[in-house]
Amino acid sequence: AFAVSICKGLSVRRAEAKHALKVGLWFG
């Protein structure tokens, strides 16, 4: 999940709090 999250971070211009919340809740 960490590795996929890194890729998601690469895919967005700016990682926002809502993105962090989504990856944390979904993957966790």
PDB file of all heavy atoms in Angstrom:
ATOM      1  N   ALA A   1       0.839  -1.203   0.000  1.00  0.00           N
ATOM      2  CA  ALA A   1       0.000   0.000   0.000  1.00  0.00           C
ATOM      3  C   ALA A   1       0.875   1.255   0.000  1.00  0.00           C
ATOM      4  O   ALA A   1       0.538   2.250  -0.656  1.00  0.00           O
ATOM      5  CB  ALA A   1      -0.931  -0.008   1.212  1.00  0.00           C
ATOM      6  N   PHE A   2       1.994   1.219   0.713  1.00  0.00           N
ATOM      7  CA  PHE A   2       2.935   2.335   0.738  1.00  0.00           C
ATOM      8  C   PHE A   2       3.464   2.589  -0.671  1.00  0.00           C
ATOM      9  O   PHE A   2       3.509   3.737  -1.129  1.00  0.00           O
ATOM     10  CB  PHE A   2       4.079   2.011   1.710  1.00  0.00           C
ATOM     11  CG  PHE A   2       5.098   3.109   1.866  1.00  0.00           C
ATOM     12  CD1 PHE A   2       4.833   4.199   2.683  1.00  0.00           C
ATOM     13  CD2 PHE A   2       6.318   3.038   1.216  1.00  0.00           C
ATOM     14  CE1 PHE A   2       5.781   5.213   2.842  1.00  0.00           C
ATOM     15  CE2 PHE A   2       7.268   4.041   1.369  1.00  0.00           C
ATOM     16  CZ  PHE A   2       6.993   5.134   2.190  1.00  0.00           C
ATOM     17  N   ALA A   3       3.848   1.526  -1.368  1.00  0.00           N
ATOM     18  CA  ALA A   3       4.384   1.659  -2.727  1.00  0.00           C
ATOM     19  C   ALA A   3       3.327   2.219  -3.685  1.00  0.00           C
ATOM     20  O   ALA A   3       3.624   3.092  -4.511  1.00  0.00           O
ATOM     21  CB  ALA A   3       4.894   0.311  -3.224  1.00  0.00           C
ATOM     22  N   VAL A   4       2.103   1.732  -3.573  1.00  0.00           N
ATOM     23  CA  VAL A   4       1.029   2.244  -4.432  1.00  0.00           C
ATOM     24  C   VAL A   4       0.729   3.700  -4.074  1.00  0.00           C
ATOM     25  O   VAL A   4       0.468   4.529  -4.948  1.00  0.00           O
ATOM     26  CB  VAL A   4      -0.236   1.359  -4.334  1.00  0.00           C
ATOM     27  CG1 VAL A   4      -1.421   2.018  -5.022  1.00  0.00           C
ATOM     28  CG2 VAL A   4       0.042  -0.003  -4.947  1.00  0.00           C
ATOM     29  N   SER A   5       0.811   4.024  -2.801  1.00  0.00           N
ATOM     30  CA  SER A   5       0.598   5.411  -2.371  1.00  0.00           C
ATOM     31  C   SER A   5       1.667   6.332  -2.943  1.00  0.00           C
ATOM     32  O   SER A   5       1.380   7.475  -3.310  1.00  0.00           O
ATOM     33  CB  SER A   5       0.588   5.504  -0.843  1.00  0.00           C
ATOM     34  OG  SER A   5      -0.508   4.806  -0.310  1.00  0.00           O
ATOM     35  N   ILE A   6       2.910   5.845  -3.014  1.00  0.00           N
ATOM     36  CA  ILE A   6       3.968   6.627  -3.650  1.00  0.00           C
ATOM     37  C   ILE A   6       3.587   6.916  -5.105  1.00  0.00           C
ATOM     38  O   ILE A   6       3.700   8.052  -5.575  1.00  0.00           O
ATOM     39  CB  ILE A   6       5.333   5.896  -3.575  1.00  0.00           C
ATOM     40  CG1 ILE A   6       5.871   5.915  -2.136  1.00  0.00           C
ATOM     41  CG2 ILE A   6       6.348   6.535  -4.522  1.00  0.00           C
ATOM     42  CD1 ILE A   6       7.127   5.089  -1.919  1.00  0.00           C
ATOM     43  N   CYS A   7       3.095   5.897  -5.796  1.00  0.00           N
ATOM     44  CA  CYS A   7       2.673   6.082  -7.189  1.00  0.00           C
ATOM     45  C   CYS A   7       1.514   7.070  -7.292  1.00  0.00           C
ATOM     46  O   CYS A   7       1.482   7.892  -8.218  1.00  0.00           O
ATOM     47  CB  CYS A   7       2.283   4.749  -7.809  1.00  0.00           C
ATOM     48  SG  CYS A   7       3.675   3.628  -8.012  1.00  0.00           S
ATOM     49  N   LYS A   8       0.586   6.974  -6.362  1.00  0.00           N
ATOM     50  CA  LYS A   8      -0.531   7.931  -6.365  1.00  0.00           C
ATOM     51  C   LYS A   8      -0.006   9.342  -6.140  1.00  0.00           C
ATOM     52  O   LYS A   8      -0.484  10.295  -6.742  1.00  0.00           O
ATOM     53  CB  LYS A   8      -1.581   7.580  -5.302  1.00  0.00           C
ATOM     54  CG  LYS A   8      -2.377   6.319  -5.550  1.00  0.00           C
ATOM     55  CD  LYS A   8      -3.128   6.336  -6.859  1.00  0.00           C
ATOM     56  CE  LYS A   8      -4.377   7.147  -6.797  1.00  0.00           C
ATOM     57  NZ  LYS A   8      -5.084   7.175  -8.102  1.00  0.00           N
ATOM     58  N   GLY A   9       0.993   9.480  -5.260  1.00  0.00           N
ATOM     59  CA  GLY A   9       1.599  10.781  -5.027  1.00  0.00           C
ATOM     60  C   GLY A   9       2.276  11.334  -6.265  1.00  0.00           C
ATOM     61  O   GLY A   9       2.274  12.541  -6.514  1.00  0.00           O
ATOM     62  N   LEU A  10       2.868  10.435  -7.056  1.00  0.00           N
ATOM     63  CA  LEU A  10       3.492  10.839  -8.318  1.00  0.00           C
ATOM     64  C   LEU A  10       2.454  11.332  -9.321  1.00  0.00           C
ATOM     65  O   LEU A  10       2.746  12.175 -10.169  1.00  0.00           O
ATOM     66  CB  LEU A  10       4.230   9.655  -8.950  1.00  0.00           C
ATOM     67  CG  LEU A  10       5.518   9.212  -8.307  1.00  0.00           C
ATOM     68  CD1 LEU A  10       5.947   7.859  -8.861  1.00  0.00           C
ATOM     69  CD2 LEU A  10       6.598  10.240  -8.542  1.00  0.00           C
ATOM     70  N   SER A  11       1.249  10.774  -9.219  1.00  0.00           N
ATOM     71  CA  SER A  11       0.230  11.032 -10.235  1.00  0.00           C
ATOM     72  C   SER A  11      -0.513  12.353 -10.042  1.00  0.00           C
ATOM     73  O   SER A  11      -1.193  12.796 -10.957  1.00  0.00           O
ATOM     74  CB  SER A  11      -0.783   9.875 -10.273  1.00  0.00           C
ATOM     75  OG  SER A  11      -1.628   9.925  -9.136  1.00  0.00           O
ATOM     76  N   VAL A  12      -0.388  12.955  -8.873  1.00  0.00           N
ATOM     77  CA  VAL A  12      -1.112  14.207  -8.621  1.00  0.00           C
ATOM     78  C   VAL A  12      -0.136  15.374  -8.549  1.00  0.00           C
ATOM     79  O   VAL A  12       0.997  15.222  -8.105  1.00  0.00           O
ATOM     80  CB  VAL A  12      -1.960  14.146  -7.322  1.00  0.00           C
ATOM     81  CG1 VAL A  12      -3.090  13.156  -7.460  1.00  0.00           C
ATOM     82  CG2 VAL A  12      -1.131  13.837  -6.104  1.00  0.00           C
ATOM     83  N   ARG A  13      -0.605  16.497  -8.992  1.00  0.00           N
ATOM     84  CA  ARG A  13       0.236  17.697  -8.967  1.00  0.00           C
ATOM     85  C   ARG A  13       0.515  18.116  -7.525  1.00  0.00           C
ATOM     86  O   ARG A  13       1.633  18.468  -7.178  1.00  0.00           O
ATOM     87  CB  ARG A  13      -0.469  18.821  -9.707  1.00  0.00           C
ATOM     88  CG  ARG A  13       0.329  20.102  -9.762  1.00  0.00           C
ATOM     89  CD  ARG A  13      -0.240  21.027 -10.738  1.00  0.00           C
ATOM     90  NE  ARG A  13      -0.079  20.375 -12.043  1.00  0.00           N
ATOM     91  CZ  ARG A  13       0.042  21.006 -13.173  1.00  0.00           C
ATOM     92  NH1 ARG A  13      -0.008  22.293 -13.202  1.00  0.00           N
ATOM     93  NH2 ARG A  13       0.191  20.352 -14.300  1.00  0.00           N
ATOM     94  N   ARG A  14      -0.510  18.066  -6.702  1.00  0.00           N
ATOM     95  CA  ARG A  14      -0.371  18.460  -5.306  1.00  0.00           C
ATOM     96  C   ARG A  14      -1.154  17.466  -4.452  1.00  0.00           C
ATOM     97  O   ARG A  14      -2.359  17.316  -4.611  1.00  0.00           O
ATOM     98  CB  ARG A  14      -0.928  19.874  -5.115  1.00  0.00           C
ATOM     99  CG  ARG A  14      -0.747  20.405  -3.723  1.00  0.00           C
ATOM    100  CD  ARG A  14      -1.095  21.915  -3.676  1.00  0.00           C
ATOM    101  NE  ARG A  14      -1.168  22.343  -2.306  1.00  0.00           N
ATOM    102  CZ  ARG A  14      -2.283  22.363  -1.578  1.00  0.00           C
ATOM    103  NH1 ARG A  14      -3.427  21.987  -2.124  1.00  0.00           N
ATOM    104  NH2 ARG A  14      -2.262  22.763  -0.338  1.00  0.00           N
ATOM    105  N   ALA A  15      -0.465  16.786  -3.554  1.00  0.00           N
ATOM    106  CA  ALA A  15      -1.137  15.850  -2.646  1.00  0.00           C
ATOM    107  C   ALA A  15      -1.860  16.656  -1.572  1.00  0.00           C
ATOM    108  O   ALA A  15      -1.234  17.412  -0.830  1.00  0.00           O
ATOM    109  CB  ALA A  15      -0.121  14.904  -2.016  1.00  0.00           C
ATOM    110  N   GLU A  16      -3.151  16.475  -1.514  1.00  0.00           N
ATOM    111  CA  GLU A  16      -3.974  17.230  -0.563  1.00  0.00           C
ATOM    112  C   GLU A  16      -4.364  16.340   0.606  1.00  0.00           C
ATOM    113  O   GLU A  16      -4.250  15.118   0.550  1.00  0.00           O
ATOM    114  CB  GLU A  16      -5.219  17.747  -1.275  1.00  0.00           C
ATOM    115  CG  GLU A  16      -4.902  18.693  -2.428  1.00  0.00           C
ATOM    116  CD  GLU A  16      -6.140  19.127  -3.187  1.00  0.00           C
ATOM    117  OE1 GLU A  16      -7.275  18.932  -2.676  1.00  0.00           O
ATOM    118  OE2 GLU A  16      -5.986  19.648  -4.299  1.00  0.00           O
ATOM    119  N   ALA A  17      -4.875  16.966   1.662  1.00  0.00           N
ATOM    120  CA  ALA A  17      -5.287  16.237   2.861  1.00  0.00           C
ATOM    121  C   ALA A  17      -6.368  15.209   2.528  1.00  0.00           C
ATOM    122  O   ALA A  17      -6.364  14.105   3.080  1.00  0.00           O
ATOM    123  CB  ALA A  17      -5.792  17.212   3.928  1.00  0.00           C
ATOM    124  N   LYS A  18      -7.270  15.548   1.611  1.00  0.00           N
ATOM    125  CA  LYS A  18      -8.324  14.596   1.251  1.00  0.00           C
ATOM    126  C   LYS A  18      -7.737  13.357   0.573  1.00  0.00           C
ATOM    127  O   LYS A  18      -8.231  12.256   0.740  1.00  0.00           O
ATOM    128  CB  LYS A  18      -9.396  15.243   0.378  1.00  0.00           C
ATOM    129  CG  LYS A  18      -8.923  15.670  -0.990  1.00  0.00           C
ATOM    130  CD  LYS A  18     -10.042  16.333  -1.788  1.00  0.00           C
ATOM    131  CE  LYS A  18      -9.521  16.756  -3.152  1.00  0.00           C
ATOM    132  NZ  LYS A  18     -10.568  17.383  -3.947  1.00  0.00           N
ATOM    133  N   HIS A  19      -6.661  13.526  -0.198  1.00  0.00           N
ATOM    134  CA  HIS A  19      -5.994  12.377  -0.815  1.00  0.00           C
ATOM    135  C   HIS A  19      -5.358  11.498   0.259  1.00  0.00           C
ATOM    136  O   HIS A  19      -5.465  10.267   0.217  1.00  0.00           O
ATOM    137  CB  HIS A  19      -4.912  12.826  -1.804  1.00  0.00           C
ATOM    138  CG  HIS A  19      -5.438  13.628  -2.952  1.00  0.00           C
ATOM    139  ND1 HIS A  19      -4.804  14.751  -3.400  1.00  0.00           N
ATOM    140  CD2 HIS A  19      -6.521  13.456  -3.743  1.00  0.00           C
ATOM    141  CE1 HIS A  19      -5.482  15.252  -4.424  1.00  0.00           C
ATOM    142  NE2 HIS A  19      -6.529  14.478  -4.642  1.00  0.00           N
ATOM    143  N   ALA A  20      -4.697  12.131   1.217  1.00  0.00           N
ATOM    144  CA  ALA A  20      -4.056  11.391   2.312  1.00  0.00           C
ATOM    145  C   ALA A  20      -5.088  10.623   3.116  1.00  0.00           C
ATOM    146  O   ALA A  20      -4.881   9.454   3.479  1.00  0.00           O
ATOM    147  CB  ALA A  20      -3.279  12.348   3.206  1.00  0.00           C
ATOM    148  N   LEU A  21      -6.213  11.254   3.394  1.00  0.00           N
ATOM    149  CA  LEU A  21      -7.282  10.590   4.143  1.00  0.00           C
ATOM    150  C   LEU A  21      -7.830   9.393   3.365  1.00  0.00           C
ATOM    151  O   LEU A  21      -8.029   8.311   3.939  1.00  0.00           O
ATOM    152  CB  LEU A  21      -8.402  11.595   4.437  1.00  0.00           C
ATOM    153  CG  LEU A  21      -9.554  11.090   5.299  1.00  0.00           C
ATOM    154  CD1 LEU A  21      -9.058  10.701   6.684  1.00  0.00           C
ATOM    155  CD2 LEU A  21     -10.649  12.148   5.411  1.00  0.00           C
ATOM    156  N   LYS A  22      -8.019   9.551   2.073  1.00  0.00           N
ATOM    157  CA  LYS A  22      -8.542   8.453   1.253  1.00  0.00           C
ATOM    158  C   LYS A  22      -7.591   7.263   1.225  1.00  0.00           C
ATOM    159  O   LYS A  22      -8.015   6.131   1.440  1.00  0.00           O
ATOM    160  CB  LYS A  22      -8.836   8.925  -0.170  1.00  0.00           C
ATOM    161  CG  LYS A  22     -10.111   9.707  -0.278  1.00  0.00           C
ATOM    162  CD  LYS A  22     -10.426  10.071  -1.717  1.00  0.00           C
ATOM    163  CE  LYS A  22     -11.709  10.882  -1.771  1.00  0.00           C
ATOM    164  NZ  LYS A  22     -12.098  11.216  -3.137  1.00  0.00           N
ATOM    165  N   VAL A  23      -6.298   7.493   0.953  1.00  0.00           N
ATOM    166  CA  VAL A  23      -5.381   6.353   0.901  1.00  0.00           C
ATOM    167  C   VAL A  23      -5.246   5.703   2.275  1.00  0.00           C
ATOM    168  O   VAL A  23      -5.181   4.480   2.385  1.00  0.00           O
ATOM    169  CB  VAL A  23      -3.992   6.694   0.301  1.00  0.00           C
ATOM    170  CG1 VAL A  23      -4.101   7.125  -1.141  1.00  0.00           C
ATOM    171  CG2 VAL A  23      -3.231   7.699   1.125  1.00  0.00           C
ATOM    172  N   GLY A  24      -5.231   6.502   3.331  1.00  0.00           N
ATOM    173  CA  GLY A  24      -5.133   5.945   4.679  1.00  0.00           C
ATOM    174  C   GLY A  24      -6.321   5.081   5.044  1.00  0.00           C
ATOM    175  O   GLY A  24      -6.167   3.971   5.564  1.00  0.00           O
ATOM    176  N   LEU A  25      -7.518   5.580   4.775  1.00  0.00           N
ATOM    177  CA  LEU A  25      -8.728   4.828   5.123  1.00  0.00           C
ATOM    178  C   LEU A  25      -8.930   3.607   4.237  1.00  0.00           C
ATOM    179  O   LEU A  25      -9.248   2.516   4.734  1.00  0.00           O
ATOM    180  CB  LEU A  25      -9.960   5.740   5.058  1.00  0.00           C
ATOM    181  CG  LEU A  25     -10.050   6.802   6.154  1.00  0.00           C
ATOM    182  CD1 LEU A  25     -11.242   7.728   5.906  1.00  0.00           C
ATOM    183  CD2 LEU A  25     -10.152   6.156   7.523  1.00  0.00           C
ATOM    184  N   TRP A  26      -8.781   3.778   2.935  1.00  0.00           N
ATOM    185  CA  TRP A  26      -8.975   2.648   2.024  1.00  0.00           C
ATOM    186  C   TRP A  26      -7.956   1.543   2.277  1.00  0.00           C
ATOM    187  O   TRP A  26      -8.320   0.388   2.484  1.00  0.00           O
ATOM    188  CB  TRP A  26      -8.896   3.094   0.561  1.00  0.00           C
ATOM    189  CG  TRP A  26     -10.187   3.623   0.018  1.00  0.00           C
ATOM    190  CD1 TRP A  26     -10.517   4.935  -0.171  1.00  0.00           C
ATOM    191  CD2 TRP A  26     -11.334   2.870  -0.404  1.00  0.00           C
ATOM    192  NE1 TRP A  26     -11.784   5.034  -0.683  1.00  0.00           N
ATOM    193  CE2 TRP A  26     -12.304   3.782  -0.843  1.00  0.00           C
ATOM    194  CE3 TRP A  26     -11.615   1.513  -0.465  1.00  0.00           C
ATOM    195  CZ2 TRP A  26     -13.537   3.379  -1.327  1.00  0.00           C
ATOM    196  CZ3 TRP A  26     -12.854   1.110  -0.957  1.00  0.00           C
ATOM    197  CH2 TRP A  26     -13.791   2.039  -1.369  1.00  0.00           C
ATOM    198  N   PHE A  27      -6.680   1.898   2.228  1.00  0.00           N
ATOM    199  CA  PHE A  27      -5.643   0.879   2.370  1.00  0.00           C
ATOM    200  C   PHE A  27      -5.606   0.321   3.781  1.00  0.00           C
ATOM    201  O   PHE A  27      -5.496  -0.886   3.977  1.00  0.00           O
ATOM    202  CB  PHE A  27      -4.281   1.431   1.950  1.00  0.00           C
ATOM    203  CG  PHE A  27      -4.182   1.773   0.491  1.00  0.00           C
ATOM    204  CD1 PHE A  27      -3.351   2.786   0.062  1.00  0.00           C
ATOM    205  CD2 PHE A  27      -4.915   1.099  -0.469  1.00  0.00           C
ATOM    206  CE1 PHE A  27      -3.238   3.105  -1.288  1.00  0.00           C
ATOM    207  CE2 PHE A  27      -4.827   1.404  -1.816  1.00  0.00           C
ATOM    208  CZ  PHE A  27      -3.982   2.419  -2.225  1.00  0.00           C
ATOM    209  N   GLY A  28      -5.704   1.185   4.781  1.00  0.00           N
ATOM    210  CA  GLY A  28      -5.713   0.711   6.168  1.00  0.00           C
ATOM    211  C   GLY A  28      -6.914  -0.170   6.460  1.00  0.00           C
ATOM    212  O   GLY A  28      -6.788  -1.220   7.103  1.00  0.00           O
TER     213      GLY A  28
END
